[in-house]
PDB file of N, CA and C in Angstrom:
ATOM      1  N   MET A   1      13.254  -1.226 -15.710  1.00  0.00           N
ATOM      2  CA  MET A   1      12.081  -0.701 -15.029  1.00  0.00           C
ATOM      3  C   MET A   1      11.795  -1.590 -13.825  1.00  0.00           C
ATOM      4  N   VAL A   2      11.513  -0.965 -12.714  1.00  0.00           N
ATOM      5  CA  VAL A   2      11.175  -1.681 -11.482  1.00  0.00           C
ATOM      6  C   VAL A   2       9.764  -1.289 -11.053  1.00  0.00           C
ATOM      7  N   VAL A   3       8.936  -2.295 -10.777  1.00  0.00           N
ATOM      8  CA  VAL A   3       7.599  -2.051 -10.234  1.00  0.00           C
ATOM      9  C   VAL A   3       7.618  -2.543  -8.793  1.00  0.00           C
ATOM     10  N   SER A   4       7.421  -1.617  -7.861  1.00  0.00           N
ATOM     11  CA  SER A   4       7.345  -1.962  -6.436  1.00  0.00           C
ATOM     12  C   SER A   4       5.890  -1.915  -6.026  1.00  0.00           C
ATOM     13  N   MET A   5       5.483  -2.941  -5.268  1.00  0.00           N
ATOM     14  CA  MET A   5       4.078  -3.055  -4.872  1.00  0.00           C
ATOM     15  C   MET A   5       3.978  -3.201  -3.359  1.00  0.00           C
ATOM     16  N   ILE A   6       2.861  -2.746  -2.837  1.00  0.00           N
ATOM     17  CA  ILE A   6       2.591  -2.856  -1.403  1.00  0.00           C
ATOM     18  C   ILE A   6       1.190  -3.424  -1.222  1.00  0.00           C
ATOM     19  N   LEU A   7       1.041  -4.252  -0.216  1.00  0.00           N
ATOM     20  CA  LEU A   7      -0.272  -4.774   0.155  1.00  0.00           C
ATOM     21  C   LEU A   7      -0.404  -4.600   1.660  1.00  0.00           C
ATOM     22  N   LEU A   8      -1.359  -3.787   2.063  1.00  0.00           N
ATOM     23  CA  LEU A   8      -1.616  -3.489   3.471  1.00  0.00           C
ATOM     24  C   LEU A   8      -2.964  -4.042   3.882  1.00  0.00           C
ATOM     25  N   ILE A   9      -3.007  -4.728   4.991  1.00  0.00           N
ATOM     26  CA  ILE A   9      -4.281  -5.038   5.639  1.00  0.00           C
ATOM     27  C   ILE A   9      -4.289  -4.208   6.909  1.00  0.00           C
ATOM     28  N   VAL A  10      -5.272  -3.334   7.005  1.00  0.00           N
ATOM     29  CA  VAL A  10      -5.352  -2.429   8.156  1.00  0.00           C
ATOM     30  C   VAL A  10      -6.635  -2.668   8.930  1.00  0.00           C
ATOM     31  N   GLU A  11      -6.520  -2.494  10.225  1.00  0.00           N
ATOM     32  CA  GLU A  11      -7.691  -2.519  11.106  1.00  0.00           C
ATOM     33  C   GLU A  11      -8.105  -1.082  11.353  1.00  0.00           C
ATOM     34  N   LEU A  12      -9.397  -0.835  11.311  1.00  0.00           N
ATOM     35  CA  LEU A  12      -9.946   0.502  11.537  1.00  0.00           C
ATOM     36  C   LEU A  12     -10.772   0.454  12.822  1.00  0.00           C
ATOM     37  N   PRO A  13     -10.119   0.541  13.993  1.00  0.00           N
ATOM     38  CA  PRO A  13     -10.832   0.329  15.255  1.00  0.00           C
ATOM     39  C   PRO A  13     -11.862   1.406  15.595  1.00  0.00           C
ATOM     40  N   GLU A  14     -11.745   2.580  15.003  1.00  0.00           N
ATOM     41  CA  GLU A  14     -12.650   3.677  15.340  1.00  0.00           C
ATOM     42  C   GLU A  14     -13.838   3.799  14.397  1.00  0.00           C
ATOM     43  N   THR A  15     -13.950   2.928  13.409  1.00  0.00           N
ATOM     44  CA  THR A  15     -15.065   3.035  12.467  1.00  0.00           C
ATOM     45  C   THR A  15     -16.171   2.064  12.835  1.00  0.00           C
ATOM     46  N   SER A  16     -17.390   2.527  12.644  1.00  0.00           N
ATOM     47  CA  SER A  16     -18.538   1.664  12.915  1.00  0.00           C
ATOM     48  C   SER A  16     -19.425   1.499  11.686  1.00  0.00           C
ATOM     49  N   THR A  17     -19.191   2.310  10.660  1.00  0.00           N
ATOM     50  CA  THR A  17     -19.994   2.202   9.449  1.00  0.00           C
ATOM     51  C   THR A  17     -19.090   2.143   8.222  1.00  0.00           C
ATOM     52  N   LEU A  18     -19.649   1.625   7.134  1.00  0.00           N
ATOM     53  CA  LEU A  18     -18.890   1.593   5.884  1.00  0.00           C
ATOM     54  C   LEU A  18     -18.623   3.007   5.359  1.00  0.00           C
ATOM     55  N   LYS A  19     -19.521   3.934   5.665  1.00  0.00           N
ATOM     56  CA  LYS A  19     -19.326   5.329   5.245  1.00  0.00           C
ATOM     57  C   LYS A  19     -18.095   5.922   5.931  1.00  0.00           C
ATOM     58  N   ASP A  20     -17.935   5.670   7.232  1.00  0.00           N
ATOM     59  CA  ASP A  20     -16.744   6.134   7.956  1.00  0.00           C
ATOM     60  C   ASP A  20     -15.483   5.516   7.357  1.00  0.00           C
ATOM     61  N   LYS A  21     -15.560   4.210   7.087  1.00  0.00           N
ATOM     62  CA  LYS A  21     -14.423   3.496   6.520  1.00  0.00           C
ATOM     63  C   LYS A  21     -14.041   4.084   5.163  1.00  0.00           C
ATOM     64  N   ARG A  22     -15.023   4.302   4.277  1.00  0.00           N
ATOM     65  CA  ARG A  22     -14.744   4.854   2.950  1.00  0.00           C
ATOM     66  C   ARG A  22     -14.036   6.200   3.047  1.00  0.00           C
ATOM     67  N   SER A  23     -14.438   7.008   3.997  1.00  0.00           N
ATOM     68  CA  SER A  23     -13.814   8.313   4.181  1.00  0.00           C
ATOM     69  C   SER A  23     -12.331   8.175   4.533  1.00  0.00           C
ATOM     70  N   ILE A  24     -12.021   7.268   5.439  1.00  0.00           N
ATOM     71  CA  ILE A  24     -10.626   7.059   5.845  1.00  0.00           C
ATOM     72  C   ILE A  24      -9.821   6.465   4.695  1.00  0.00           C
ATOM     73  N   ILE A  25     -10.362   5.449   4.029  1.00  0.00           N
ATOM     74  CA  ILE A  25      -9.648   4.795   2.935  1.00  0.00           C
ATOM     75  C   ILE A  25      -9.409   5.772   1.790  1.00  0.00           C
ATOM     76  N   GLN A  26     -10.386   6.610   1.481  1.00  0.00           N
ATOM     77  CA  GLN A  26     -10.206   7.602   0.429  1.00  0.00           C
ATOM     78  C   GLN A  26      -9.083   8.571   0.798  1.00  0.00           C
ATOM     79  N   GLY A  27      -9.004   8.974   2.067  1.00  0.00           N
ATOM     80  CA  GLY A  27      -7.926   9.841   2.523  1.00  0.00           C
ATOM     81  C   GLY A  27      -6.562   9.173   2.392  1.00  0.00           C
ATOM     82  N   ILE A  28      -6.490   7.891   2.746  1.00  0.00           N
ATOM     83  CA  ILE A  28      -5.233   7.145   2.621  1.00  0.00           C
ATOM     84  C   ILE A  28      -4.804   7.081   1.158  1.00  0.00           C
ATOM     85  N   LYS A  29      -5.729   6.694   0.271  1.00  0.00           N
ATOM     86  CA  LYS A  29      -5.392   6.581  -1.146  1.00  0.00           C
ATOM     87  C   LYS A  29      -4.944   7.926  -1.724  1.00  0.00           C
ATOM     88  N   SER A  30      -5.614   8.993  -1.336  1.00  0.00           N
ATOM     89  CA  SER A  30      -5.266  10.327  -1.831  1.00  0.00           C
ATOM     90  C   SER A  30      -3.864  10.729  -1.368  1.00  0.00           C
ATOM     91  N   LYS A  31      -3.558  10.506  -0.102  1.00  0.00           N
ATOM     92  CA  LYS A  31      -2.225  10.858   0.420  1.00  0.00           C
ATOM     93  C   LYS A  31      -1.138   9.987  -0.193  1.00  0.00           C
ATOM     94  N   LEU A  32      -1.411   8.695  -0.397  1.00  0.00           N
ATOM     95  CA  LEU A  32      -0.418   7.827  -1.034  1.00  0.00           C
ATOM     96  C   LEU A  32      -0.086   8.339  -2.433  1.00  0.00           C
ATOM     97  N   HIS A  33      -1.101   8.818  -3.133  1.00  0.00           N
ATOM     98  CA  HIS A  33      -0.875   9.332  -4.480  1.00  0.00           C
ATOM     99  C   HIS A  33      -0.117  10.667  -4.458  1.00  0.00           C
ATOM    100  N   HIS A  34      -0.577  11.602  -3.659  1.00  0.00           N
ATOM    101  CA  HIS A  34       0.007  12.944  -3.679  1.00  0.00           C
ATOM    102  C   HIS A  34       1.365  13.026  -2.991  1.00  0.00           C
ATOM    103  N   LYS A  35       1.549  12.310  -1.898  1.00  0.00           N
ATOM    104  CA  LYS A  35       2.806  12.405  -1.144  1.00  0.00           C
ATOM    105  C   LYS A  35       3.873  11.451  -1.662  1.00  0.00           C
ATOM    106  N   PHE A  36       3.463  10.244  -2.136  1.00  0.00           N
ATOM    107  CA  PHE A  36       4.432   9.211  -2.502  1.00  0.00           C
ATOM    108  C   PHE A  36       4.352   8.784  -3.974  1.00  0.00           C
ATOM    109  N   ASN A  37       3.424   9.330  -4.744  1.00  0.00           N
ATOM    110  CA  ASN A  37       3.220   8.982  -6.146  1.00  0.00           C
ATOM    111  C   ASN A  37       2.893   7.494  -6.331  1.00  0.00           C
ATOM    112  N   ILE A  38       2.154   6.934  -5.390  1.00  0.00           N
ATOM    113  CA  ILE A  38       1.731   5.536  -5.432  1.00  0.00           C
ATOM    114  C   ILE A  38       0.294   5.468  -5.938  1.00  0.00           C
ATOM    115  N   SER A  39       0.074   4.620  -6.921  1.00  0.00           N
ATOM    116  CA  SER A  39      -1.296   4.337  -7.367  1.00  0.00           C
ATOM    117  C   SER A  39      -1.850   3.254  -6.461  1.00  0.00           C
ATOM    118  N   SER A  40      -3.060   3.451  -5.925  1.00  0.00           N
ATOM    119  CA  SER A  40      -3.584   2.488  -4.952  1.00  0.00           C
ATOM    120  C   SER A  40      -5.082   2.290  -5.110  1.00  0.00           C
ATOM    121  N   ALA A  41      -5.550   1.183  -4.510  1.00  0.00           N
ATOM    122  CA  ALA A  41      -6.973   0.845  -4.529  1.00  0.00           C
ATOM    123  C   ALA A  41      -7.282  -0.036  -3.332  1.00  0.00           C
ATOM    124  N   GLU A  42      -8.528   0.008  -2.886  1.00  0.00           N
ATOM    125  CA  GLU A  42      -8.988  -0.958  -1.892  1.00  0.00           C
ATOM    126  C   GLU A  42      -9.288  -2.235  -2.674  1.00  0.00           C
ATOM    127  N   VAL A  43      -8.544  -3.296  -2.392  1.00  0.00           N
ATOM    128  CA  VAL A  43      -8.611  -4.489  -3.226  1.00  0.00           C
ATOM    129  C   VAL A  43      -9.415  -5.636  -2.619  1.00  0.00           C
ATOM    130  N   ASP A  44      -9.756  -5.565  -1.341  1.00  0.00           N
ATOM    131  CA  ASP A  44     -10.542  -6.629  -0.715  1.00  0.00           C
ATOM    132  C   ASP A  44     -11.094  -6.100   0.607  1.00  0.00           C
ATOM    133  N   LEU A  45     -11.945  -6.890   1.222  1.00  0.00           N
ATOM    134  CA  LEU A  45     -12.570  -6.589   2.520  1.00  0.00           C
ATOM    135  C   LEU A  45     -13.459  -5.351   2.458  1.00  0.00           C
ATOM    136  N   GLN A  46     -14.089  -5.119   1.311  1.00  0.00           N
ATOM    137  CA  GLN A  46     -14.932  -3.928   1.153  1.00  0.00           C
ATOM    138  C   GLN A  46     -16.218  -3.978   1.973  1.00  0.00           C
ATOM    139  N   ASP A  47     -16.668  -5.169   2.376  1.00  0.00           N
ATOM    140  CA  ASP A  47     -17.956  -5.285   3.056  1.00  0.00           C
ATOM    141  C   ASP A  47     -17.868  -5.261   4.575  1.00  0.00           C
ATOM    142  N   THR A  48     -16.690  -5.022   5.121  1.00  0.00           N
ATOM    143  CA  THR A  48     -16.546  -4.945   6.563  1.00  0.00           C
ATOM    144  C   THR A  48     -16.024  -3.568   6.956  1.00  0.00           C
ATOM    145  N   ALA A  49     -16.585  -3.012   8.027  1.00  0.00           N
ATOM    146  CA  ALA A  49     -16.153  -1.692   8.476  1.00  0.00           C
ATOM    147  C   ALA A  49     -14.880  -1.756   9.307  1.00  0.00           C
ATOM    148  N   ALA A  50     -14.528  -2.927   9.799  1.00  0.00           N
ATOM    149  CA  ALA A  50     -13.417  -3.042  10.740  1.00  0.00           C
ATOM    150  C   ALA A  50     -12.044  -3.214  10.084  1.00  0.00           C
ATOM    151  N   PHE A  51     -12.006  -3.688   8.828  1.00  0.00           N
ATOM    152  CA  PHE A  51     -10.735  -3.962   8.160  1.00  0.00           C
ATOM    153  C   PHE A  51     -10.778  -3.494   6.711  1.00  0.00           C
ATOM    154  N   ALA A  52      -9.585  -3.239   6.148  1.00  0.00           N
ATOM    155  CA  ALA A  52      -9.462  -2.885   4.737  1.00  0.00           C
ATOM    156  C   ALA A  52      -8.172  -3.482   4.193  1.00  0.00           C
ATOM    157  N   GLU A  53      -8.203  -3.848   2.922  1.00  0.00           N
ATOM    158  CA  GLU A  53      -7.004  -4.322   2.237  1.00  0.00           C
ATOM    159  C   GLU A  53      -6.715  -3.343   1.107  1.00  0.00           C
ATOM    160  N   ILE A  54      -5.542  -2.733   1.156  1.00  0.00           N
ATOM    161  CA  ILE A  54      -5.163  -1.695   0.201  1.00  0.00           C
ATOM    162  C   ILE A  54      -3.923  -2.159  -0.554  1.00  0.00           C
ATOM    163  N   GLY A  55      -3.993  -2.101  -1.865  1.00  0.00           N
ATOM    164  CA  GLY A  55      -2.848  -2.434  -2.706  1.00  0.00           C
ATOM    165  C   GLY A  55      -2.362  -1.192  -3.412  1.00  0.00           C
ATOM    166  N   GLY A  56      -1.052  -1.121  -3.643  1.00  0.00           N
ATOM    167  CA  GLY A  56      -0.495   0.028  -4.334  1.00  0.00           C
ATOM    168  C   GLY A  56       0.727  -0.352  -5.140  1.00  0.00           C
ATOM    169  N   ALA A  57       1.070   0.504  -6.119  1.00  0.00           N
ATOM    170  CA  ALA A  57       2.218   0.248  -6.978  1.00  0.00           C
ATOM    171  C   ALA A  57       2.913   1.556  -7.336  1.00  0.00           C
ATOM    172  N   LEU A  58       4.220   1.419  -7.576  1.00  0.00           N
ATOM    173  CA  LEU A  58       5.065   2.547  -7.953  1.00  0.00           C
ATOM    174  C   LEU A  58       6.070   2.050  -8.980  1.00  0.00           C
ATOM    175  N   VAL A  59       6.219   2.776 -10.082  1.00  0.00           N
ATOM    176  CA  VAL A  59       7.206   2.436 -11.097  1.00  0.00           C
ATOM    177  C   VAL A  59       8.404   3.362 -10.925  1.00  0.00           C
ATOM    178  N   SER A  60       9.606   2.764 -10.908  1.00  0.00           N
ATOM    179  CA  SER A  60      10.832   3.557 -10.782  1.00  0.00           C
ATOM    180  C   SER A  60      11.956   2.830 -11.506  1.00  0.00           C
ATOM    181  N   ASN A  61      13.166   3.303 -11.321  1.00  0.00           N
ATOM    182  CA  ASN A  61      14.319   2.643 -11.935  1.00  0.00           C
ATOM    183  C   ASN A  61      15.197   1.955 -10.898  1.00  0.00           C
ATOM    184  N   SER A  62      14.710   1.842  -9.635  1.00  0.00           N
ATOM    185  CA  SER A  62      15.521   1.269  -8.573  1.00  0.00           C
ATOM    186  C   SER A  62      14.661   0.488  -7.588  1.00  0.00           C
ATOM    187  N   LYS A  63      15.037  -0.763  -7.353  1.00  0.00           N
ATOM    188  CA  LYS A  63      14.351  -1.591  -6.353  1.00  0.00           C
ATOM    189  C   LYS A  63      14.507  -0.976  -4.970  1.00  0.00           C
ATOM    190  N   VAL A  64      15.708  -0.516  -4.651  1.00  0.00           N
ATOM    191  CA  VAL A  64      15.976   0.069  -3.335  1.00  0.00           C
ATOM    192  C   VAL A  64      15.099   1.304  -3.113  1.00  0.00           C
ATOM    193  N   PHE A  65      15.038   2.184  -4.115  1.00  0.00           N
ATOM    194  CA  PHE A  65      14.212   3.381  -4.002  1.00  0.00           C
ATOM    195  C   PHE A  65      12.736   3.015  -3.843  1.00  0.00           C
ATOM    196  N   GLY A  66      12.234   2.130  -4.701  1.00  0.00           N
ATOM    197  CA  GLY A  66      10.821   1.752  -4.656  1.00  0.00           C
ATOM    198  C   GLY A  66      10.430   1.166  -3.317  1.00  0.00           C
ATOM    199  N   GLU A  67      11.240   0.269  -2.801  1.00  0.00           N
ATOM    200  CA  GLU A  67      10.901  -0.355  -1.520  1.00  0.00           C
ATOM    201  C   GLU A  67      11.058   0.617  -0.358  1.00  0.00           C
ATOM    202  N   LYS A  68      11.989   1.558  -0.459  1.00  0.00           N
ATOM    203  CA  LYS A  68      12.117   2.596   0.576  1.00  0.00           C
ATOM    204  C   LYS A  68      10.864   3.470   0.605  1.00  0.00           C
ATOM    205  N   VAL A  69      10.362   3.828  -0.571  1.00  0.00           N
ATOM    206  CA  VAL A  69       9.133   4.620  -0.655  1.00  0.00           C
ATOM    207  C   VAL A  69       7.969   3.847  -0.041  1.00  0.00           C
ATOM    208  N   MET A  70       7.874   2.558  -0.341  1.00  0.00           N
ATOM    209  CA  MET A  70       6.777   1.743   0.193  1.00  0.00           C
ATOM    210  C   MET A  70       6.835   1.640   1.715  1.00  0.00           C
ATOM    211  N   HIS A  71       8.029   1.453   2.271  1.00  0.00           N
ATOM    212  CA  HIS A  71       8.156   1.408   3.732  1.00  0.00           C
ATOM    213  C   HIS A  71       7.788   2.759   4.353  1.00  0.00           C
ATOM    214  N   SER A  72       8.218   3.842   3.719  1.00  0.00           N
ATOM    215  CA  SER A  72       7.867   5.181   4.215  1.00  0.00           C
ATOM    216  C   SER A  72       6.364   5.409   4.142  1.00  0.00           C
ATOM    217  N   ALA A  73       5.741   4.947   3.078  1.00  0.00           N
ATOM    218  CA  ALA A  73       4.292   5.101   2.918  1.00  0.00           C
ATOM    219  C   ALA A  73       3.541   4.331   3.997  1.00  0.00           C
ATOM    220  N   ALA A  74       3.980   3.107   4.279  1.00  0.00           N
ATOM    221  CA  ALA A  74       3.328   2.301   5.324  1.00  0.00           C
ATOM    222  C   ALA A  74       3.454   2.977   6.677  1.00  0.00           C
ATOM    223  N   GLN A  75       4.626   3.501   6.979  1.00  0.00           N
ATOM    224  CA  GLN A  75       4.829   4.196   8.253  1.00  0.00           C
ATOM    225  C   GLN A  75       3.948   5.443   8.330  1.00  0.00           C
ATOM    226  N   PHE A  76       3.832   6.176   7.217  1.00  0.00           N
ATOM    227  CA  PHE A  76       2.990   7.365   7.157  1.00  0.00           C
ATOM    228  C   PHE A  76       1.531   7.003   7.439  1.00  0.00           C
ATOM    229  N   VAL A  77       1.040   5.939   6.808  1.00  0.00           N
ATOM    230  CA  VAL A  77      -0.355   5.517   7.011  1.00  0.00           C
ATOM    231  C   VAL A  77      -0.591   5.207   8.483  1.00  0.00           C
ATOM    232  N   GLU A  78       0.321   4.474   9.093  1.00  0.00           N
ATOM    233  CA  GLU A  78       0.127   4.105  10.494  1.00  0.00           C
ATOM    234  C   GLU A  78       0.224   5.315  11.430  1.00  0.00           C
ATOM    235  N   ASP A  79       1.077   6.272  11.085  1.00  0.00           N
ATOM    236  CA  ASP A  79       1.278   7.442  11.946  1.00  0.00           C
ATOM    237  C   ASP A  79       0.159   8.479  11.830  1.00  0.00           C
ATOM    238  N   TYR A  80      -0.439   8.640  10.645  1.00  0.00           N
ATOM    239  CA  TYR A  80      -1.347   9.762  10.410  1.00  0.00           C
ATOM    240  C   TYR A  80      -2.808   9.395  10.196  1.00  0.00           C
ATOM    241  N   PHE A  81      -3.138   8.129  10.250  1.00  0.00           N
ATOM    242  CA  PHE A  81      -4.524   7.717  10.076  1.00  0.00           C
ATOM    243  C   PHE A  81      -4.929   6.817  11.242  1.00  0.00           C
ATOM    244  N   PRO A  82      -6.230   6.795  11.579  1.00  0.00           N
ATOM    245  CA  PRO A  82      -6.687   5.976  12.715  1.00  0.00           C
ATOM    246  C   PRO A  82      -6.802   4.499  12.337  1.00  0.00           C
ATOM    247  N   VAL A  83      -5.652   3.893  11.998  1.00  0.00           N
ATOM    248  CA  VAL A  83      -5.607   2.489  11.593  1.00  0.00           C
ATOM    249  C   VAL A  83      -4.449   1.795  12.297  1.00  0.00           C
ATOM    250  N   ARG A  84      -4.541   0.466  12.337  1.00  0.00           N
ATOM    251  CA  ARG A  84      -3.431  -0.381  12.796  1.00  0.00           C
ATOM    252  C   ARG A  84      -3.087  -1.335  11.670  1.00  0.00           C
ATOM    253  N   ILE A  85      -1.836  -1.372  11.270  1.00  0.00           N
ATOM    254  CA  ILE A  85      -1.431  -2.289  10.208  1.00  0.00           C
ATOM    255  C   ILE A  85      -1.372  -3.695  10.776  1.00  0.00           C
ATOM    256  N   GLN A  86      -2.155  -4.600  10.183  1.00  0.00           N
ATOM    257  CA  GLN A  86      -2.182  -5.996  10.598  1.00  0.00           C
ATOM    258  C   GLN A  86      -1.238  -6.840   9.747  1.00  0.00           C
ATOM    259  N   SER A  87      -1.062  -6.465   8.487  1.00  0.00           N
ATOM    260  CA  SER A  87      -0.182  -7.198   7.589  1.00  0.00           C
ATOM    261  C   SER A  87       0.388  -6.223   6.568  1.00  0.00           C
ATOM    262  N   LEU A  88       1.666  -6.388   6.272  1.00  0.00           N
ATOM    263  CA  LEU A  88       2.348  -5.537   5.304  1.00  0.00           C
ATOM    264  C   LEU A  88       3.214  -6.424   4.416  1.00  0.00           C
ATOM    265  N   GLN A  89       2.999  -6.330   3.114  1.00  0.00           N
ATOM    266  CA  GLN A  89       3.850  -7.036   2.151  1.00  0.00           C
ATOM    267  C   GLN A  89       4.355  -6.025   1.139  1.00  0.00           C
ATOM    268  N   ILE A  90       5.647  -6.096   0.865  1.00  0.00           N
ATOM    269  CA  ILE A  90       6.261  -5.246  -0.144  1.00  0.00           C
ATOM    270  C   ILE A  90       6.980  -6.168  -1.123  1.00  0.00           C
ATOM    271  N   TYR A  91       6.768  -5.928  -2.406  1.00  0.00           N
ATOM    272  CA  TYR A  91       7.260  -6.828  -3.438  1.00  0.00           C
ATOM    273  C   TYR A  91       7.707  -5.991  -4.632  1.00  0.00           C
ATOM    274  N   SER A  92       8.841  -6.347  -5.233  1.00  0.00           N
ATOM    275  CA  SER A  92       9.329  -5.628  -6.408  1.00  0.00           C
ATOM    276  C   SER A  92       9.651  -6.601  -7.524  1.00  0.00           C
ATOM    277  N   GLU A  93       9.409  -6.157  -8.750  1.00  0.00           N
ATOM    278  CA  GLU A  93       9.814  -6.899  -9.938  1.00  0.00           C
ATOM    279  C   GLU A  93      10.603  -5.970 -10.843  1.00  0.00           C
ATOM    280  N   THR A  94      11.693  -6.487 -11.385  1.00  0.00           N
ATOM    281  CA  THR A  94      12.526  -5.730 -12.299  1.00  0.00           C
ATOM    282  C   THR A  94      12.346  -6.295 -13.701  1.00  0.00           C
ATOM    283  N   PHE A  95      11.964  -5.435 -14.639  1.00  0.00           N
ATOM    284  CA  PHE A  95      11.773  -5.827 -16.029  1.00  0.00           C
ATOM    285  C   PHE A  95      12.899  -5.227 -16.858  1.00  0.00           C
ATOM    286  N   ASP A  96      13.445  -6.004 -17.783  1.00  0.00           N
ATOM    287  CA  ASP A  96      14.461  -5.454 -18.674  1.00  0.00           C
ATOM    288  C   ASP A  96      13.897  -5.319 -20.083  1.00  0.00           C
ATOM    289  N   GLU A  97      14.729  -4.847 -21.002  1.00  0.00           N
ATOM    290  CA  GLU A  97      14.265  -4.576 -22.368  1.00  0.00           C
ATOM    291  C   GLU A  97      13.866  -5.831 -23.139  1.00  0.00           C
ATOM    292  N   ARG A  98      14.286  -7.005 -22.683  1.00  0.00           N
ATOM    293  CA  ARG A  98      13.934  -8.242 -23.370  1.00  0.00           C
ATOM    294  C   ARG A  98      12.646  -8.851 -22.819  1.00  0.00           C
ATOM    295  N   GLY A  99      12.066  -8.250 -21.805  1.00  0.00           N
ATOM    296  CA  GLY A  99      10.827  -8.760 -21.253  1.00  0.00           C
ATOM    297  C   GLY A  99      11.016  -9.742 -20.117  1.00  0.00           C
ATOM    298  N   SER A 100      12.250 -10.062 -19.770  1.00  0.00           N
ATOM    299  CA  SER A 100      12.463 -10.947 -18.624  1.00  0.00           C
ATOM    300  C   SER A 100      12.472 -10.116 -17.348  1.00  0.00           C
ATOM    301  N   TYR A 101      12.361 -10.795 -16.234  1.00  0.00           N
ATOM    302  CA  TYR A 101      12.297 -10.057 -14.986  1.00  0.00           C
ATOM    303  C   TYR A 101      12.903 -10.859 -13.847  1.00  0.00           C
ATOM    304  N   GLU A 102      13.267 -10.113 -12.805  1.00  0.00           N
ATOM    305  CA  GLU A 102      13.684 -10.689 -11.534  1.00  0.00           C
ATOM    306  C   GLU A 102      12.675 -10.203 -10.503  1.00  0.00           C
ATOM    307  N   SER A 103      12.371 -11.034  -9.511  1.00  0.00           N
ATOM    308  CA  SER A 103      11.422 -10.589  -8.495  1.00  0.00           C
ATOM    309  C   SER A 103      12.070 -10.626  -7.130  1.00  0.00           C
ATOM    310  N   TYR A 104      11.622  -9.739  -6.286  1.00  0.00           N
ATOM    311  CA  TYR A 104      12.099  -9.613  -4.921  1.00  0.00           C
ATOM    312  C   TYR A 104      10.870  -9.484  -4.028  1.00  0.00           C
ATOM    313  N   GLU A 105      10.918 -10.053  -2.855  1.00  0.00           N
ATOM    314  CA  GLU A 105       9.772  -9.948  -1.962  1.00  0.00           C
ATOM    315  C   GLU A 105      10.246  -9.784  -0.538  1.00  0.00           C
ATOM    316  N   ALA A 106       9.593  -8.884   0.174  1.00  0.00           N
ATOM    317  CA  ALA A 106       9.831  -8.700   1.601  1.00  0.00           C
ATOM    318  C   ALA A 106       8.466  -8.773   2.263  1.00  0.00           C
ATOM    319  N   GLU A 107       8.328  -9.618   3.266  1.00  0.00           N
ATOM    320  CA  GLU A 107       7.056  -9.757   3.961  1.00  0.00           C
ATOM    321  C   GLU A 107       7.266  -9.438   5.429  1.00  0.00           C
ATOM    322  N   ILE A 108       6.411  -8.599   5.944  1.00  0.00           N
ATOM    323  CA  ILE A 108       6.494  -8.172   7.337  1.00  0.00           C
ATOM    324  C   ILE A 108       5.140  -8.402   7.981  1.00  0.00           C
ATOM    325  N   HIS A 109       5.129  -9.030   9.127  1.00  0.00           N
ATOM    326  CA  HIS A 109       3.865  -9.235   9.850  1.00  0.00           C
ATOM    327  C   HIS A 109       3.953  -8.571  11.182  1.00  0.00           C
TER     328      HIS A 109
END
């Protein structure tokens, strides 16, 4: 089993209120779930309208597949929402039947 994770810090230059921000973030989370089958949440920076930190995870049987989905999801967010990605981290862990794991990390700034 492979768990691939993504951590996005996005700038929301067009938002001036937390209500505007919540609307955009809810749209991002909904699309990540429906289009890419990624479970996601706003994990930090909830009190500022200008930035958001979004974390997500996907379980699959392939590190390559999981990380490809995460890169596609990040590109989708940047292309279809009024945000600028400030930081992107993608990380995968592989678990085997004995409970041990290998980890992989790719960091992009």
